[in-house]
């Protein structure tokens, strides 16, 4: 009798101490999955459809992981969508002239590195706010993407490039799934197992205290922006490979989804807290919502309205929970 009375308060106390805001994305994922499983049973639970959800989430997941590092330092990167398009177009153009897939891929990644470096230099050396810098480079890079091919699409026909960046299968799984797994493992390792990740979180908590501790704050900030742009470049290559072509519109609607995936997944918009696994679940949640809305028969404008409302509500709950915690 006494054991029961002691155990029950203990369980209640533990439950009351749980920060439920940390589990918003997981609860939301389950609820959305169950909703579409019930309302769209015939199509949603089809193995092919579930695989497509993961495939479509792959570029978002990779960019969300890069965004986790940026947000964790208390900064933001608005230029990732434009970087996707320019990297994809650059790779496609180089591929047409060289027919060597790895040179084309290197060119696309180089575009990401340059964009990230430019962002980082203006933010760390010139000391401009990241919001303004990346907003400016977003327009600049978007203009370059349009200028590069004069608004024309560029086909990608190289079989090796298409297989590696989106169209292939390895050990029975789509190559996009392997890219997702690799990105999550690398991102988690850097954030949780390496000194670099600890420095990123420390800078987000307090840049001044980090400087006193000997952390090179500007170097950390520069690296997260280069890393973010590089993940956008990888996403551009994956889009080009999966769609077998590149166009200036690639990635133009991804920014809101990427930021939402990272924040809903548990990364703080105010810096000092980030989670790669949460970003993965957040990306899958965004992809699942998009897939479910299409299966529900909503047209493009209705999908945008519903998706925007869902993201706004989810992010609001997530941020409110973080402030209260």
Protein backbone atom coordinates (compact mmCIF):
# COMPACT_ATOMS: atom_id res chain seq x y z
CA UNK A 1 0.00 0.00 0.00
CA UNK A 2 2.72 2.43 0.93
CA UNK A 3 4.74 1.44 -2.13
CA UNK A 4 1.84 2.39 -4.41
CA UNK A 5 1.31 5.77 -2.77
CA UNK A 6 4.99 6.55 -3.07
CA UNK A 7 5.25 5.42 -6.70
CA UNK A 8 2.25 7.36 -8.03
CA UNK A 9 3.46 10.81 -6.88
CA UNK A 10 6.90 9.93 -8.21
CA UNK A 11 5.48 9.16 -11.67
CA UNK A 12 3.37 12.31 -11.62
CA UNK A 13 6.36 14.37 -10.58
CA UNK A 14 8.44 12.95 -13.41
CA UNK A 15 5.67 13.61 -15.92
CA UNK A 16 5.29 17.21 -14.72
CA UNK A 17 9.03 17.77 -15.12
CA UNK A 18 9.11 16.58 -18.72
CA UNK A 19 9.63 19.40 -21.22
CA UNK A 20 6.91 18.44 -23.65
CA UNK A 21 8.03 21.16 -26.06
CA UNK A 22 11.02 18.92 -26.87
CA UNK A 23 8.63 16.31 -28.22
CA UNK A 24 6.33 18.54 -30.29
CA UNK A 25 7.73 17.31 -33.59
CA UNK A 26 7.40 13.63 -32.65
CA UNK A 27 3.85 14.03 -31.39
CA UNK A 28 2.96 16.06 -34.48
CA UNK A 29 4.54 13.47 -36.75
CA UNK A 30 2.46 10.66 -35.24
CA UNK A 31 -0.77 12.69 -35.33
CA UNK A 32 -0.31 13.75 -38.96
CA UNK A 33 0.65 10.21 -39.98
CA UNK A 34 -2.44 8.74 -38.29
CA UNK A 35 -4.69 11.43 -39.81
CA UNK A 36 -3.61 10.78 -43.39
CA UNK A 37 -3.50 7.02 -42.80
CA UNK A 38 -7.17 7.15 -41.81
CA UNK A 39 -8.40 9.67 -44.39
CA UNK A 40 -6.25 8.44 -47.31
CA UNK A 41 -5.84 4.77 -46.44
CA UNK A 42 -5.90 3.47 -50.00
CA UNK A 43 -2.96 5.56 -51.21
CA UNK A 44 -1.07 6.99 -48.23
CA UNK A 45 0.03 3.68 -46.68
CA UNK A 46 1.18 2.29 -50.01
CA UNK A 47 4.90 1.37 -49.65
CA UNK A 48 5.71 3.24 -52.87
CA UNK A 49 4.05 6.39 -51.54
CA UNK A 50 5.85 6.16 -48.19
CA UNK A 51 9.14 5.77 -50.05
CA UNK A 52 8.32 8.83 -52.14
CA UNK A 53 7.81 10.83 -48.94
CA UNK A 54 11.35 10.01 -47.81
CA UNK A 55 12.77 10.70 -51.29
CA UNK A 56 11.05 14.09 -51.53
CA UNK A 57 12.23 14.96 -48.02
CA UNK A 58 15.90 14.21 -48.76
CA UNK A 59 16.96 17.66 -50.09
CA UNK A 60 14.97 19.39 -47.33
CA UNK A 61 16.58 17.18 -44.69
CA UNK A 62 20.09 17.92 -45.91
CA UNK A 63 19.46 21.69 -45.98
CA UNK A 64 17.71 21.55 -42.60
CA UNK A 65 20.80 19.95 -41.08
CA UNK A 66 22.90 22.83 -42.40
CA UNK A 67 20.32 25.27 -41.05
CA UNK A 68 20.52 23.64 -37.60
CA UNK A 69 24.15 24.74 -37.30
CA UNK A 70 23.36 28.29 -38.48
CA UNK A 71 20.38 28.73 -36.16
CA UNK A 72 22.32 27.20 -33.26
CA UNK A 73 24.79 30.10 -33.47
CA UNK A 74 21.91 32.58 -33.33
CA UNK A 75 22.12 33.44 -37.03
CA UNK A 76 19.95 32.71 -40.09
CA UNK A 77 20.60 31.91 -43.76
CA UNK A 78 17.97 33.09 -46.27
CA UNK A 79 20.07 32.38 -49.38
CA UNK A 80 19.83 28.59 -49.47
CA UNK A 81 16.98 28.43 -52.00
CA UNK A 82 18.86 30.55 -54.53
CA UNK A 83 22.03 28.56 -53.91
CA UNK A 84 20.16 25.36 -54.80
CA UNK A 85 19.26 26.71 -58.24
CA UNK A 86 22.68 28.20 -59.06
CA UNK A 87 24.54 25.06 -57.94
CA UNK A 88 22.26 22.78 -59.95
CA UNK A 89 22.52 24.94 -63.08
CA UNK A 90 26.29 25.25 -62.76
CA UNK A 91 26.68 21.49 -62.46
CA UNK A 92 24.38 20.90 -65.43
CA UNK A 93 26.21 23.41 -67.64
CA UNK A 94 29.64 22.00 -66.71
CA UNK A 95 28.36 18.47 -67.30
CA UNK A 96 27.30 19.40 -70.83
CA UNK A 97 30.74 20.73 -71.66
CA UNK A 98 32.91 18.11 -69.95
CA UNK A 99 30.82 14.92 -69.72
CA UNK A 100 32.64 14.15 -66.44
CA UNK A 101 30.18 13.82 -63.58
CA UNK A 102 32.60 14.47 -60.72
CA UNK A 103 33.88 17.71 -62.28
CA UNK A 104 30.28 18.90 -62.64
CA UNK A 105 29.53 17.92 -59.03
CA UNK A 106 32.67 19.71 -57.82
CA UNK A 107 31.63 22.85 -59.73
CA UNK A 108 28.20 22.79 -58.09
CA UNK A 109 29.71 22.33 -54.64
CA UNK A 110 32.20 25.13 -55.32
CA UNK A 111 29.28 27.48 -55.95
CA UNK A 112 27.92 26.62 -52.52
CA UNK A 113 31.30 27.16 -50.87
CA UNK A 114 31.69 30.58 -52.51
CA UNK A 115 28.20 31.72 -51.53
CA UNK A 116 28.76 30.58 -47.95
CA UNK A 117 32.15 32.25 -47.84
CA UNK A 118 30.71 35.55 -49.07
CA UNK A 119 27.93 35.37 -46.47
CA UNK A 120 30.38 34.53 -43.72
CA UNK A 121 32.85 37.29 -44.60
CA UNK A 122 30.23 40.03 -44.60
CA UNK A 123 28.76 38.74 -41.34
CA UNK A 124 32.03 38.21 -39.45
CA UNK A 125 34.39 40.82 -40.89
CA UNK A 126 32.05 43.60 -42.00
CA UNK A 127 29.80 42.79 -39.02
CA UNK A 128 26.48 43.03 -40.83
CA UNK A 129 23.39 41.16 -39.56
CA UNK A 130 23.01 37.73 -41.12
CA UNK A 131 19.40 38.46 -42.01
CA UNK A 132 20.38 41.42 -44.20
CA UNK A 133 23.45 39.76 -45.70
CA UNK A 134 21.71 36.55 -46.72
CA UNK A 135 18.66 38.46 -47.91
CA UNK A 136 20.95 40.39 -50.25
CA UNK A 137 22.82 37.31 -51.45
CA UNK A 138 19.49 35.54 -51.95
CA UNK A 139 18.60 38.12 -54.60
CA UNK A 140 22.11 38.25 -56.01
CA UNK A 141 22.42 34.49 -56.41
CA UNK A 142 18.89 34.20 -57.81
CA UNK A 143 19.80 36.78 -60.44
CA UNK A 144 22.97 34.89 -61.36
CA UNK A 145 20.97 31.67 -61.71
CA UNK A 146 18.61 33.37 -64.13
CA UNK A 147 21.44 35.00 -66.03
CA UNK A 148 23.53 31.83 -66.34
CA UNK A 149 21.24 30.11 -68.85
CA UNK A 150 18.95 33.01 -69.76
CA UNK A 151 16.01 31.35 -67.95
CA UNK A 152 16.45 28.14 -69.96
CA UNK A 153 16.33 24.66 -68.44
CA UNK A 154 19.43 22.49 -68.81
CA UNK A 155 18.93 18.72 -69.24
CA UNK A 156 21.08 16.25 -67.31
CA UNK A 157 21.60 13.02 -69.24
CA UNK A 158 24.83 11.63 -67.79
CA UNK A 159 23.91 8.21 -66.37
CA UNK A 160 26.54 8.25 -63.63
CA UNK A 161 25.47 11.69 -62.39
CA UNK A 162 21.78 10.74 -62.45
CA UNK A 163 22.45 7.48 -60.58
CA UNK A 164 24.60 9.07 -57.88
CA UNK A 165 22.47 12.17 -57.36
CA UNK A 166 18.96 10.86 -57.14
CA UNK A 167 18.05 8.23 -59.70
CA UNK A 168 19.91 5.16 -58.49
CA UNK A 169 19.26 2.33 -56.06
CA UNK A 170 21.76 0.75 -53.68
CA UNK A 171 21.12 -2.45 -51.71
CA UNK A 172 17.42 -2.21 -52.47
CA UNK A 173 17.05 1.39 -51.25
CA UNK A 174 16.80 4.56 -53.36
CA UNK A 175 20.05 6.50 -53.40
CA UNK A 176 18.20 9.51 -51.96
CA UNK A 177 17.61 7.50 -48.77
CA UNK A 178 21.34 6.82 -48.50
CA UNK A 179 22.09 10.53 -48.96
CA UNK A 180 19.67 11.27 -46.12
CA UNK A 181 21.25 8.68 -43.84
CA UNK A 182 24.76 9.96 -44.61
CA UNK A 183 23.78 13.60 -43.97
CA UNK A 184 22.10 12.78 -40.67
CA UNK A 185 25.05 10.70 -39.43
CA UNK A 186 27.60 13.37 -40.39
CA UNK A 187 25.50 16.20 -38.95
CA UNK A 188 24.82 14.36 -35.70
CA UNK A 189 28.48 13.43 -35.30
CA UNK A 190 29.66 17.01 -35.85
CA UNK A 191 27.08 18.53 -33.51
CA UNK A 192 27.17 15.97 -30.69
CA UNK A 193 30.52 14.20 -30.86
CA UNK A 194 33.00 16.85 -32.00
CA UNK A 195 34.38 19.96 -30.37
CA UNK A 196 33.10 21.98 -33.32
CA UNK A 197 29.51 21.22 -32.37
CA UNK A 198 30.12 22.29 -28.77
CA UNK A 199 31.61 25.54 -30.02
CA UNK A 200 28.60 26.16 -32.27
CA UNK A 201 26.19 25.78 -29.34
CA UNK A 202 28.42 27.86 -27.07
CA UNK A 203 28.48 30.74 -29.58
CA UNK A 204 24.70 30.59 -29.79
CA UNK A 205 24.36 30.74 -26.02
CA UNK A 206 26.77 33.65 -25.59
CA UNK A 207 29.28 34.94 -28.11
CA UNK A 208 30.99 37.10 -25.47
CA UNK A 209 31.47 34.20 -23.07
CA UNK A 210 32.71 32.05 -25.93
CA UNK A 211 35.41 34.60 -26.77
CA UNK A 212 36.51 34.66 -23.14
CA UNK A 213 36.72 30.87 -23.23
CA UNK A 214 39.07 31.02 -26.21
CA UNK A 215 36.58 30.01 -28.90
CA UNK A 216 37.19 31.72 -32.23
CA UNK A 217 33.65 33.01 -32.70
CA UNK A 218 34.14 34.49 -36.16
CA UNK A 219 35.66 31.28 -37.46
CA UNK A 220 32.72 29.26 -36.11
CA UNK A 221 30.22 31.63 -37.72
CA UNK A 222 32.09 31.55 -41.02
CA UNK A 223 32.14 27.76 -41.01
CA UNK A 224 28.42 27.37 -40.32
CA UNK A 225 27.54 29.62 -43.26
CA UNK A 226 29.89 27.75 -45.58
CA UNK A 227 28.39 24.50 -44.34
CA UNK A 228 24.83 25.73 -44.85
CA UNK A 229 25.53 26.83 -48.42
CA UNK A 230 27.30 23.54 -49.12
CA UNK A 231 24.24 21.57 -48.00
CA UNK A 232 22.14 23.73 -50.33
CA UNK A 233 24.57 22.90 -53.15
CA UNK A 234 24.21 19.18 -52.41
CA UNK A 235 20.43 19.60 -52.48
CA UNK A 236 20.78 21.29 -55.88
CA UNK A 237 22.76 18.34 -57.21
CA UNK A 238 20.13 15.93 -55.89
CA UNK A 239 17.33 17.90 -57.55
CA UNK A 240 19.25 17.94 -60.84
CA UNK A 241 19.93 14.21 -60.67
CA UNK A 242 16.43 13.16 -59.66
CA UNK A 243 14.67 15.45 -62.12
CA UNK A 244 17.36 14.88 -64.78
CA UNK A 245 17.58 18.59 -65.38
CA UNK A 246 18.24 21.95 -63.77
CA UNK A 247 16.18 25.13 -63.80
CA UNK A 248 16.38 28.51 -62.07
CA UNK A 249 13.20 27.74 -60.12
CA UNK A 250 14.74 24.84 -58.20
CA UNK A 251 14.67 25.44 -54.46
CA UNK A 252 12.71 28.69 -54.64
CA UNK A 253 9.98 27.39 -52.29
CA UNK A 254 12.26 25.44 -49.95
CA UNK A 255 13.39 28.19 -47.56
CA UNK A 256 10.26 28.31 -45.39
CA UNK A 257 10.05 24.51 -45.28
CA UNK A 258 13.71 24.12 -44.29
CA UNK A 259 13.53 26.69 -41.49
CA UNK A 260 10.24 25.21 -40.25
CA UNK A 261 11.69 21.68 -40.28
CA UNK A 262 14.67 22.80 -38.20
CA UNK A 263 12.67 24.84 -35.67
CA UNK A 264 9.79 22.39 -35.28
CA UNK A 265 12.42 19.68 -34.90
CA UNK A 266 13.75 21.34 -31.75
CA UNK A 267 16.40 23.82 -32.89
CA UNK A 268 16.07 27.19 -31.18
CA UNK A 269 15.58 30.25 -33.36
CA UNK A 270 17.43 32.19 -30.66
CA UNK A 271 20.59 30.06 -30.74
CA UNK A 272 22.27 27.71 -28.29
CA UNK A 273 20.19 24.62 -29.02
CA UNK A 274 20.10 22.35 -32.04
CA UNK A 275 19.12 18.82 -32.94
CA UNK A 276 19.90 16.98 -36.16
CA UNK A 277 17.52 14.08 -35.46
CA UNK A 278 14.74 16.59 -34.84
CA UNK A 279 15.53 18.25 -38.17
CA UNK A 280 15.16 14.86 -39.87
CA UNK A 281 11.75 14.24 -38.28
CA UNK A 282 10.71 17.82 -39.05
CA UNK A 283 11.66 17.38 -42.71
CA UNK A 284 9.76 14.12 -42.96
CA UNK A 285 6.77 15.83 -41.32
CA UNK A 286 6.83 18.64 -43.90
CA UNK A 287 7.11 16.11 -46.74
CA UNK A 288 4.31 14.00 -45.30
CA UNK A 289 2.01 17.02 -45.03
CA UNK A 290 2.75 17.98 -48.63
CA UNK A 291 2.10 14.41 -49.81
CA UNK A 292 -1.12 14.11 -47.83
CA UNK A 293 -2.49 17.38 -49.17
CA UNK A 294 -1.85 16.23 -52.73
CA UNK A 295 -3.60 12.91 -52.07
CA UNK A 296 -6.51 14.85 -50.58
CA UNK A 297 -7.06 16.48 -53.97
CA UNK A 298 -6.21 20.06 -53.03
CA UNK A 299 -5.04 22.32 -55.86
CA UNK A 300 -1.74 24.18 -55.70
CA UNK A 301 -3.13 27.37 -54.15
CA UNK A 302 -5.08 25.43 -51.52
CA UNK A 303 -1.99 23.37 -50.70
CA UNK A 304 0.01 26.57 -50.15
CA UNK A 305 -2.65 27.98 -47.83
CA UNK A 306 -3.01 24.84 -45.73
CA UNK A 307 0.74 24.15 -45.65
CA UNK A 308 1.49 27.72 -44.58
CA UNK A 309 -1.13 27.58 -41.83
CA UNK A 310 0.16 24.25 -40.53
CA UNK A 311 3.77 25.47 -40.50
CA UNK A 312 2.76 28.72 -38.74
CA UNK A 313 0.86 26.85 -36.02
CA UNK A 314 3.60 24.25 -35.56
CA UNK A 315 6.40 26.82 -35.33
CA UNK A 316 4.32 28.99 -32.96
CA UNK A 317 3.78 26.09 -30.57
CA UNK A 318 7.44 25.12 -30.81
CA UNK A 319 8.75 28.63 -30.11
CA UNK A 320 6.23 29.20 -27.30
CA UNK A 321 7.34 26.00 -25.64
CA UNK A 322 10.99 27.03 -25.85
CA UNK A 323 10.32 30.45 -24.33
CA UNK A 324 8.34 28.93 -21.48
CA UNK A 325 11.07 26.39 -20.84
